[in-house]
Amino acid sequence: PMTFHTDKVINDHGELIGLSSGRSLSQNYRTMISLCSLDAPYASLGTEVRVIWGEPGTRQKQIRAEVSRFPYLNENRNEDIDATVIPYSCHPKE
């Protein structure tokens, strides 16, 4: 069977608000990055959350984190692309 590790993401009150699917040290940004899925009320940029690193039943550590956008780069973000004009090849021909 396949297993997938996630870490809990909590708010200031200790309530579960999301899951982190991984973490990595970014050499470019000189900081740790954790890719998370969050409940919508906590997904605003700048919101402070806490990621619980470590497996339940073992030593765990709360890491303060700030919600940021992904990807981090400002160039080539594709925010202004109209997806309705992209040709589709999976539709049956009439």
C-alpha atoms as a PDB file:
ATOM      1  CA  PRO A   1       0.000   0.000   0.000  1.00  0.00           C
ATOM      2  CA  MET A   2       1.049   3.547  -0.701  1.00  0.00           C
ATOM      3  CA  THR A   3       1.444   6.024   2.154  1.00  0.00           C
ATOM      4  CA  PHE A   4       1.520   9.792   1.987  1.00  0.00           C
ATOM      5  CA  HIS A   5       2.875  11.918   4.821  1.00  0.00           C
ATOM      6  CA  THR A   6       1.131  15.154   5.794  1.00  0.00           C
ATOM      7  CA  ASP A   7       1.643  17.578   8.650  1.00  0.00           C
ATOM      8  CA  LYS A   8      -1.167  19.376  10.450  1.00  0.00           C
ATOM      9  CA  VAL A   9      -1.655  23.113  10.014  1.00  0.00           C
ATOM     10  CA  ILE A  10      -3.349  24.872  12.931  1.00  0.00           C
ATOM     11  CA  ASN A  11      -4.468  28.391  13.848  1.00  0.00           C
ATOM     12  CA  ASP A  12      -3.640  30.340  17.024  1.00  0.00           C
ATOM     13  CA  HIS A  13      -6.364  28.439  18.914  1.00  0.00           C
ATOM     14  CA  GLY A  14      -4.940  25.025  18.006  1.00  0.00           C
ATOM     15  CA  GLU A  15      -7.774  24.221  15.576  1.00  0.00           C
ATOM     16  CA  LEU A  16      -6.951  22.120  12.501  1.00  0.00           C
ATOM     17  CA  ILE A  17      -7.227  24.398   9.453  1.00  0.00           C
ATOM     18  CA  GLY A  18      -5.270  22.475   6.825  1.00  0.00           C
ATOM     19  CA  LEU A  19      -2.579  20.008   5.857  1.00  0.00           C
ATOM     20  CA  SER A  20       0.979  20.414   4.678  1.00  0.00           C
ATOM     21  CA  SER A  21       2.086  17.970   2.011  1.00  0.00           C
ATOM     22  CA  GLY A  22       5.775  18.632   2.384  1.00  0.00           C
ATOM     23  CA  ARG A  23       8.539  21.000   3.254  1.00  0.00           C
ATOM     24  CA  SER A  24      11.764  22.005   1.642  1.00  0.00           C
ATOM     25  CA  LEU A  25      14.652  24.376   2.182  1.00  0.00           C
ATOM     26  CA  SER A  26      14.716  26.969  -0.605  1.00  0.00           C
ATOM     27  CA  GLN A  27      18.235  28.014  -1.508  1.00  0.00           C
ATOM     28  CA  ASN A  28      16.860  30.889  -3.613  1.00  0.00           C
ATOM     29  CA  TYR A  29      14.774  32.370  -0.794  1.00  0.00           C
ATOM     30  CA  ARG A  30      16.978  31.130   2.089  1.00  0.00           C
ATOM     31  CA  THR A  31      13.965  29.893   4.014  1.00  0.00           C
ATOM     32  CA  MET A  32      11.867  26.803   4.562  1.00  0.00           C
ATOM     33  CA  ILE A  33       8.820  26.395   2.317  1.00  0.00           C
ATOM     34  CA  SER A  34       5.855  24.205   3.165  1.00  0.00           C
ATOM     35  CA  LEU A  35       3.178  23.498   0.544  1.00  0.00           C
ATOM     36  CA  CYS A  36      -0.197  23.491   2.317  1.00  0.00           C
ATOM     37  CA  SER A  37      -3.897  23.169   1.604  1.00  0.00           C
ATOM     38  CA  LEU A  38      -5.835  25.478   3.920  1.00  0.00           C
ATOM     39  CA  ASP A  39      -9.448  26.156   4.803  1.00  0.00           C
ATOM     40  CA  ALA A  40     -10.530  29.223   2.792  1.00  0.00           C
ATOM     41  CA  PRO A  41     -10.887  31.641   5.774  1.00  0.00           C
ATOM     42  CA  TYR A  42      -7.171  31.131   6.548  1.00  0.00           C
ATOM     43  CA  ALA A  43      -5.833  31.293   2.984  1.00  0.00           C
ATOM     44  CA  SER A  44      -5.422  35.081   2.749  1.00  0.00           C
ATOM     45  CA  LEU A  45      -1.894  36.274   2.030  1.00  0.00           C
ATOM     46  CA  GLY A  46      -0.071  37.224   5.217  1.00  0.00           C
ATOM     47  CA  THR A  47      -2.167  35.062   7.556  1.00  0.00           C
ATOM     48  CA  GLU A  48      -0.021  33.491  10.276  1.00  0.00           C
ATOM     49  CA  VAL A  49      -0.486  29.749  10.781  1.00  0.00           C
ATOM     50  CA  ARG A  50       1.445  27.002  12.525  1.00  0.00           C
ATOM     51  CA  VAL A  51       2.683  23.816  10.883  1.00  0.00           C
ATOM     52  CA  ILE A  52       3.179  20.816  13.193  1.00  0.00           C
ATOM     53  CA  TRP A  53       6.335  19.014  12.082  1.00  0.00           C
ATOM     54  CA  GLY A  54       6.822  15.454  13.236  1.00  0.00           C
ATOM     55  CA  GLU A  55       4.812  12.277  13.503  1.00  0.00           C
ATOM     56  CA  PRO A  56       2.093  11.864  16.138  1.00  0.00           C
ATOM     57  CA  GLY A  57       3.465   9.990  19.147  1.00  0.00           C
ATOM     58  CA  THR A  58       6.962  11.333  18.533  1.00  0.00           C
ATOM     59  CA  ARG A  59       8.577  14.662  19.256  1.00  0.00           C
ATOM     60  CA  GLN A  60       6.766  17.392  17.323  1.00  0.00           C
ATOM     61  CA  LYS A  61       7.551  21.052  16.757  1.00  0.00           C
ATOM     62  CA  GLN A  62       5.228  23.948  15.932  1.00  0.00           C
ATOM     63  CA  ILE A  63       6.640  26.098  13.145  1.00  0.00           C
ATOM     64  CA  ARG A  64       5.196  29.587  12.609  1.00  0.00           C
ATOM     65  CA  ALA A  65       4.446  30.239   8.959  1.00  0.00           C
ATOM     66  CA  GLU A  66       2.948  33.015   6.878  1.00  0.00           C
ATOM     67  CA  VAL A  67       0.596  32.320   3.969  1.00  0.00           C
ATOM     68  CA  SER A  68       2.230  33.326   0.677  1.00  0.00           C
ATOM     69  CA  ARG A  69       1.256  32.811  -2.918  1.00  0.00           C
ATOM     70  CA  PHE A  70       2.668  30.042  -5.024  1.00  0.00           C
ATOM     71  CA  PRO A  71       4.590  30.247  -7.268  1.00  0.00           C
ATOM     72  CA  TYR A  72       6.622  32.989  -5.638  1.00  0.00           C
ATOM     73  CA  LEU A  73       8.032  34.586  -8.759  1.00  0.00           C
ATOM     74  CA  ASN A  74       6.348  37.706 -10.146  1.00  0.00           C
ATOM     75  CA  GLU A  75       7.216  37.142 -13.795  1.00  0.00           C
ATOM     76  CA  ASN A  76       5.412  34.638 -16.058  1.00  0.00           C
ATOM     77  CA  ARG A  77       2.501  34.105 -13.646  1.00  0.00           C
ATOM     78  CA  ASN A  78      -0.114  33.519 -16.418  1.00  0.00           C
ATOM     79  CA  GLU A  79      -2.764  35.445 -14.471  1.00  0.00           C
ATOM     80  CA  ASP A  80      -4.137  37.237 -17.541  1.00  0.00           C
ATOM     81  CA  ILE A  81      -4.576  34.212 -19.806  1.00  0.00           C
ATOM     82  CA  ASP A  82      -8.090  33.549 -21.073  1.00  0.00           C
ATOM     83  CA  ALA A  83      -8.385  29.773 -20.706  1.00  0.00           C
ATOM     84  CA  THR A  84     -11.521  29.689 -22.876  1.00  0.00           C
ATOM     85  CA  VAL A  85      -9.426  30.327 -26.000  1.00  0.00           C
ATOM     86  CA  ILE A  86      -7.100  27.371 -25.440  1.00  0.00           C
ATOM     87  CA  PRO A  87      -7.872  24.721 -28.097  1.00  0.00           C
ATOM     88  CA  TYR A  88      -9.078  21.378 -26.794  1.00  0.00           C
ATOM     89  CA  SER A  89      -8.207  18.129 -28.500  1.00  0.00           C
ATOM     90  CA  CYS A  90     -10.311  15.817 -26.337  1.00  0.00           C
ATOM     91  CA  HIS A  91     -13.735  16.937 -27.592  1.00  0.00           C
ATOM     92  CA  PRO A  92     -15.439  14.699 -30.177  1.00  0.00           C
ATOM     93  CA  LYS A  93     -15.655  16.183 -33.645  1.00  0.00           C
ATOM     94  CA  GLU A  94     -19.105  16.976 -34.970  1.00  0.00           C
END
